[in-house]
Amino acid sequence: MKDELVYEILSAVGEIPAGKVASYGQIARLIGRARNARLVGRTLSLSEFYGDYPCHRVVNHAGRLAPHFPEQRALLEAEGVIFWDNGCVDMDACGWEC
């Protein structure tokens, strides 16, 4: 993966305000790659090698958390993100309108 694409994705993620979340697909659309939500997810899994970005603010379209990111929920709750009883983020209340 080219570094410029990685930084384009991470730059978009860096714009998500505290207390809000975006979906992988939303980030893909923001960078002009609407059909590449999985690419966004794969990139975020490698983000630690590129700096400090708020990757915990990205969830799937239904508000489900990343399966291999156990700290994600605690980080989001600390920012005031609301969760449903099923463990998904309340996307209506906490979705980022960009």
N, C-alpha and C. Protein backbone atom coordinates (compact mmCIF):
# COMPACT_ATOMS: atom_id res chain seq x y z
N MET A 1 0.84 -1.17 0.00
CA MET A 1 0.00 0.00 0.00
C MET A 1 0.89 1.24 0.00
N LYS A 2 0.53 2.21 -0.79
CA LYS A 2 1.33 3.42 -0.89
C LYS A 2 1.11 4.33 0.32
N ASP A 3 2.20 4.91 0.79
CA ASP A 3 2.12 5.78 1.96
C ASP A 3 1.17 6.95 1.75
N GLU A 4 1.12 7.50 0.55
CA GLU A 4 0.23 8.65 0.34
C GLU A 4 -1.23 8.27 0.55
N LEU A 5 -1.62 7.07 0.15
CA LEU A 5 -2.98 6.59 0.39
C LEU A 5 -3.22 6.37 1.88
N VAL A 6 -2.26 5.80 2.55
CA VAL A 6 -2.37 5.58 3.99
C VAL A 6 -2.59 6.91 4.70
N TYR A 7 -1.79 7.90 4.38
CA TYR A 7 -1.93 9.20 5.04
C TYR A 7 -3.21 9.93 4.64
N GLU A 8 -3.72 9.67 3.46
CA GLU A 8 -5.00 10.25 3.05
C GLU A 8 -6.12 9.68 3.93
N ILE A 9 -6.09 8.38 4.15
CA ILE A 9 -7.08 7.73 5.01
C ILE A 9 -6.93 8.23 6.45
N LEU A 10 -5.71 8.22 6.95
CA LEU A 10 -5.49 8.63 8.33
C LEU A 10 -5.80 10.11 8.55
N SER A 11 -5.58 10.93 7.56
CA SER A 11 -5.93 12.34 7.65
C SER A 11 -7.44 12.51 7.81
N ALA A 12 -8.21 11.74 7.04
CA ALA A 12 -9.67 11.80 7.15
C ALA A 12 -10.11 11.34 8.54
N VAL A 13 -9.51 10.27 9.03
CA VAL A 13 -9.84 9.77 10.37
C VAL A 13 -9.51 10.83 11.42
N GLY A 14 -8.42 11.55 11.22
CA GLY A 14 -8.02 12.58 12.16
C GLY A 14 -9.00 13.73 12.28
N GLU A 15 -9.90 13.86 11.32
CA GLU A 15 -10.91 14.92 11.34
C GLU A 15 -12.14 14.58 12.17
N ILE A 16 -12.30 13.32 12.53
CA ILE A 16 -13.49 12.91 13.29
C ILE A 16 -13.38 13.51 14.69
N PRO A 17 -14.37 14.30 15.09
CA PRO A 17 -14.29 14.93 16.42
C PRO A 17 -14.52 13.93 17.56
N ALA A 18 -13.98 14.25 18.70
CA ALA A 18 -14.21 13.43 19.89
C ALA A 18 -15.71 13.32 20.15
N GLY A 19 -16.14 12.12 20.54
CA GLY A 19 -17.55 11.91 20.82
C GLY A 19 -18.37 11.53 19.60
N LYS A 20 -17.72 11.44 18.45
CA LYS A 20 -18.40 11.05 17.21
C LYS A 20 -17.68 9.85 16.61
N VAL A 21 -18.38 9.13 15.75
CA VAL A 21 -17.79 8.01 15.04
C VAL A 21 -18.14 8.11 13.56
N ALA A 22 -17.32 7.47 12.74
CA ALA A 22 -17.57 7.37 11.31
C ALA A 22 -17.46 5.90 10.93
N SER A 23 -18.05 5.54 9.80
CA SER A 23 -17.94 4.16 9.33
C SER A 23 -16.76 4.04 8.38
N TYR A 24 -16.32 2.81 8.18
CA TYR A 24 -15.24 2.55 7.22
C TYR A 24 -15.65 3.05 5.83
N GLY A 25 -16.89 2.79 5.47
CA GLY A 25 -17.39 3.23 4.17
C GLY A 25 -17.44 4.74 4.04
N GLN A 26 -17.78 5.41 5.10
CA GLN A 26 -17.82 6.87 5.10
C GLN A 26 -16.42 7.44 4.85
N ILE A 27 -15.43 6.87 5.50
CA ILE A 27 -14.04 7.32 5.28
C ILE A 27 -13.64 7.03 3.84
N ALA A 28 -14.00 5.87 3.33
CA ALA A 28 -13.68 5.53 1.94
C ALA A 28 -14.31 6.54 0.97
N ARG A 29 -15.55 6.92 1.21
CA ARG A 29 -16.21 7.92 0.35
C ARG A 29 -15.51 9.27 0.45
N LEU A 30 -15.09 9.64 1.65
CA LEU A 30 -14.42 10.94 1.84
C LEU A 30 -13.14 11.06 1.03
N ILE A 31 -12.46 9.95 0.81
CA ILE A 31 -11.20 10.01 0.07
C ILE A 31 -11.39 9.65 -1.41
N GLY A 32 -12.66 9.54 -1.82
CA GLY A 32 -12.94 9.26 -3.23
C GLY A 32 -12.80 7.81 -3.64
N ARG A 33 -12.91 6.89 -2.69
CA ARG A 33 -12.80 5.46 -2.96
C ARG A 33 -13.99 4.74 -2.33
N ALA A 34 -15.17 5.09 -2.78
CA ALA A 34 -16.41 4.64 -2.16
C ALA A 34 -16.52 3.13 -1.99
N ARG A 35 -15.89 2.37 -2.82
CA ARG A 35 -16.02 0.91 -2.76
C ARG A 35 -14.87 0.24 -1.99
N ASN A 36 -14.13 1.02 -1.23
CA ASN A 36 -12.94 0.46 -0.56
C ASN A 36 -13.00 0.54 0.96
N ALA A 37 -14.14 0.23 1.56
CA ALA A 37 -14.27 0.25 3.02
C ALA A 37 -13.30 -0.74 3.67
N ARG A 38 -13.11 -1.90 3.04
CA ARG A 38 -12.18 -2.89 3.61
C ARG A 38 -10.74 -2.39 3.58
N LEU A 39 -10.40 -1.64 2.56
CA LEU A 39 -9.07 -1.04 2.49
C LEU A 39 -8.87 -0.09 3.66
N VAL A 40 -9.90 0.67 3.99
CA VAL A 40 -9.82 1.57 5.14
C VAL A 40 -9.58 0.76 6.41
N GLY A 41 -10.33 -0.31 6.61
CA GLY A 41 -10.15 -1.14 7.79
C GLY A 41 -8.75 -1.72 7.88
N ARG A 42 -8.25 -2.21 6.78
CA ARG A 42 -6.90 -2.79 6.75
C ARG A 42 -5.86 -1.72 7.08
N THR A 43 -6.05 -0.54 6.54
CA THR A 43 -5.12 0.57 6.82
C THR A 43 -5.14 0.95 8.29
N LEU A 44 -6.32 1.02 8.87
CA LEU A 44 -6.42 1.40 10.27
C LEU A 44 -5.77 0.36 11.17
N SER A 45 -5.77 -0.89 10.76
CA SER A 45 -5.13 -1.93 11.57
C SER A 45 -3.62 -1.76 11.60
N LEU A 46 -3.08 -0.99 10.67
CA LEU A 46 -1.63 -0.74 10.60
C LEU A 46 -1.26 0.68 11.05
N SER A 47 -2.23 1.44 11.51
CA SER A 47 -2.02 2.86 11.79
C SER A 47 -0.93 3.14 12.82
N GLU A 48 -0.69 2.21 13.73
CA GLU A 48 0.32 2.43 14.77
C GLU A 48 1.71 2.69 14.18
N PHE A 49 1.93 2.25 12.94
CA PHE A 49 3.23 2.45 12.30
C PHE A 49 3.34 3.83 11.65
N TYR A 50 2.25 4.61 11.66
CA TYR A 50 2.23 5.90 10.98
C TYR A 50 2.00 7.08 11.91
N GLY A 51 1.80 6.85 13.16
CA GLY A 51 1.59 7.95 14.09
C GLY A 51 0.38 7.70 14.96
N ASP A 52 -0.07 8.74 15.63
CA ASP A 52 -1.18 8.63 16.58
C ASP A 52 -2.43 9.24 15.96
N TYR A 53 -3.37 8.39 15.62
CA TYR A 53 -4.63 8.81 14.99
C TYR A 53 -5.79 8.22 15.78
N PRO A 54 -6.95 8.89 15.79
CA PRO A 54 -8.10 8.40 16.56
C PRO A 54 -8.86 7.29 15.83
N CYS A 55 -8.19 6.21 15.54
CA CYS A 55 -8.79 5.10 14.79
C CYS A 55 -9.92 4.44 15.55
N HIS A 56 -9.95 4.63 16.88
CA HIS A 56 -11.03 4.06 17.67
C HIS A 56 -12.38 4.67 17.31
N ARG A 57 -12.38 5.78 16.60
CA ARG A 57 -13.62 6.46 16.20
C ARG A 57 -14.21 5.93 14.90
N VAL A 58 -13.66 4.85 14.38
CA VAL A 58 -14.18 4.26 13.15
C VAL A 58 -14.78 2.89 13.48
N VAL A 59 -16.03 2.70 13.06
CA VAL A 59 -16.78 1.47 13.31
C VAL A 59 -17.41 1.02 11.99
N ASN A 60 -18.07 -0.13 12.00
CA ASN A 60 -18.73 -0.50 10.75
C ASN A 60 -20.06 0.25 10.61
N HIS A 61 -20.72 0.10 9.49
CA HIS A 61 -21.91 0.89 9.20
C HIS A 61 -23.05 0.69 10.20
N ALA A 62 -23.06 -0.45 10.88
CA ALA A 62 -24.09 -0.74 11.87
C ALA A 62 -23.68 -0.31 13.28
N GLY A 63 -22.48 0.22 13.41
CA GLY A 63 -21.99 0.65 14.71
C GLY A 63 -21.23 -0.41 15.48
N ARG A 64 -20.93 -1.53 14.83
CA ARG A 64 -20.16 -2.59 15.50
C ARG A 64 -18.69 -2.19 15.61
N LEU A 65 -18.10 -2.59 16.71
CA LEU A 65 -16.69 -2.28 16.97
C LEU A 65 -15.78 -3.27 16.24
N ALA A 66 -14.51 -2.89 16.13
CA ALA A 66 -13.52 -3.76 15.50
C ALA A 66 -13.29 -4.98 16.40
N PRO A 67 -13.34 -6.19 15.84
CA PRO A 67 -13.25 -7.40 16.67
C PRO A 67 -11.91 -7.59 17.38
N HIS A 68 -10.84 -7.05 16.85
CA HIS A 68 -9.51 -7.26 17.45
C HIS A 68 -8.98 -5.99 18.11
N PHE A 69 -9.89 -5.18 18.66
CA PHE A 69 -9.51 -3.91 19.27
C PHE A 69 -10.26 -3.79 20.60
N PRO A 70 -9.83 -4.55 21.63
CA PRO A 70 -10.58 -4.60 22.88
C PRO A 70 -10.70 -3.27 23.62
N GLU A 71 -9.79 -2.35 23.39
CA GLU A 71 -9.83 -1.06 24.08
C GLU A 71 -10.80 -0.06 23.43
N GLN A 72 -11.31 -0.39 22.25
CA GLN A 72 -12.10 0.57 21.48
C GLN A 72 -13.31 1.08 22.26
N ARG A 73 -14.06 0.19 22.86
CA ARG A 73 -15.27 0.62 23.56
C ARG A 73 -14.94 1.58 24.70
N ALA A 74 -13.95 1.27 25.50
CA ALA A 74 -13.58 2.13 26.62
C ALA A 74 -13.14 3.51 26.14
N LEU A 75 -12.39 3.55 25.05
CA LEU A 75 -11.95 4.84 24.49
C LEU A 75 -13.15 5.67 24.04
N LEU A 76 -14.11 5.02 23.39
CA LEU A 76 -15.30 5.73 22.91
C LEU A 76 -16.19 6.17 24.07
N GLU A 77 -16.37 5.31 25.04
CA GLU A 77 -17.18 5.68 26.21
C GLU A 77 -16.58 6.86 26.94
N ALA A 78 -15.24 6.93 27.02
CA ALA A 78 -14.57 8.05 27.67
C ALA A 78 -14.85 9.37 26.95
N GLU A 79 -15.20 9.28 25.67
CA GLU A 79 -15.53 10.48 24.89
C GLU A 79 -17.03 10.78 24.88
N GLY A 80 -17.81 9.94 25.55
CA GLY A 80 -19.24 10.16 25.63
C GLY A 80 -20.07 9.49 24.54
N VAL A 81 -19.47 8.59 23.79
CA VAL A 81 -20.20 7.87 22.74
C VAL A 81 -21.22 6.94 23.40
N ILE A 82 -22.43 6.92 22.83
CA ILE A 82 -23.54 6.14 23.37
C ILE A 82 -23.60 4.78 22.68
N PHE A 83 -23.84 3.74 23.48
CA PHE A 83 -23.94 2.37 22.97
C PHE A 83 -25.34 1.82 23.22
N TRP A 84 -25.79 0.99 22.29
CA TRP A 84 -27.03 0.24 22.47
C TRP A 84 -26.73 -0.96 23.37
N ASP A 85 -27.78 -1.61 23.86
CA ASP A 85 -27.62 -2.80 24.70
C ASP A 85 -26.88 -3.92 23.99
N ASN A 86 -26.97 -3.95 22.65
CA ASN A 86 -26.30 -5.01 21.88
C ASN A 86 -24.81 -4.74 21.67
N GLY A 87 -24.29 -3.65 22.20
CA GLY A 87 -22.87 -3.34 22.09
C GLY A 87 -22.49 -2.48 20.91
N CYS A 88 -23.47 -2.12 20.09
CA CYS A 88 -23.20 -1.27 18.92
C CYS A 88 -23.34 0.21 19.29
N VAL A 89 -22.59 1.04 18.60
CA VAL A 89 -22.68 2.49 18.79
C VAL A 89 -24.03 2.98 18.27
N ASP A 90 -24.63 3.91 18.97
CA ASP A 90 -25.84 4.57 18.49
C ASP A 90 -25.42 5.54 17.38
N MET A 91 -25.50 5.07 16.14
CA MET A 91 -25.04 5.85 14.99
C MET A 91 -25.87 7.11 14.77
N ASP A 92 -27.14 7.08 15.13
CA ASP A 92 -27.98 8.27 14.99
C ASP A 92 -27.52 9.39 15.91
N ALA A 93 -27.18 9.03 17.14
CA ALA A 93 -26.77 10.03 18.10
C ALA A 93 -25.30 10.43 17.98
N CYS A 94 -24.46 9.49 17.55
CA CYS A 94 -23.01 9.72 17.60
C CYS A 94 -22.31 9.67 16.26
N GLY A 95 -23.06 9.49 15.19
CA GLY A 95 -22.44 9.46 13.86
C GLY A 95 -21.94 10.84 13.45
N TRP A 96 -20.80 10.86 12.82
CA TRP A 96 -20.18 12.10 12.37
C TRP A 96 -20.85 12.55 11.07
N GLU A 97 -21.35 13.77 11.08
CA GLU A 97 -21.93 14.36 9.87
C GLU A 97 -20.86 15.21 9.20
N CYS A 98 -20.28 14.67 8.17
CA CYS A 98 -19.21 15.42 7.50
C CYS A 98 -19.63 15.83 6.10
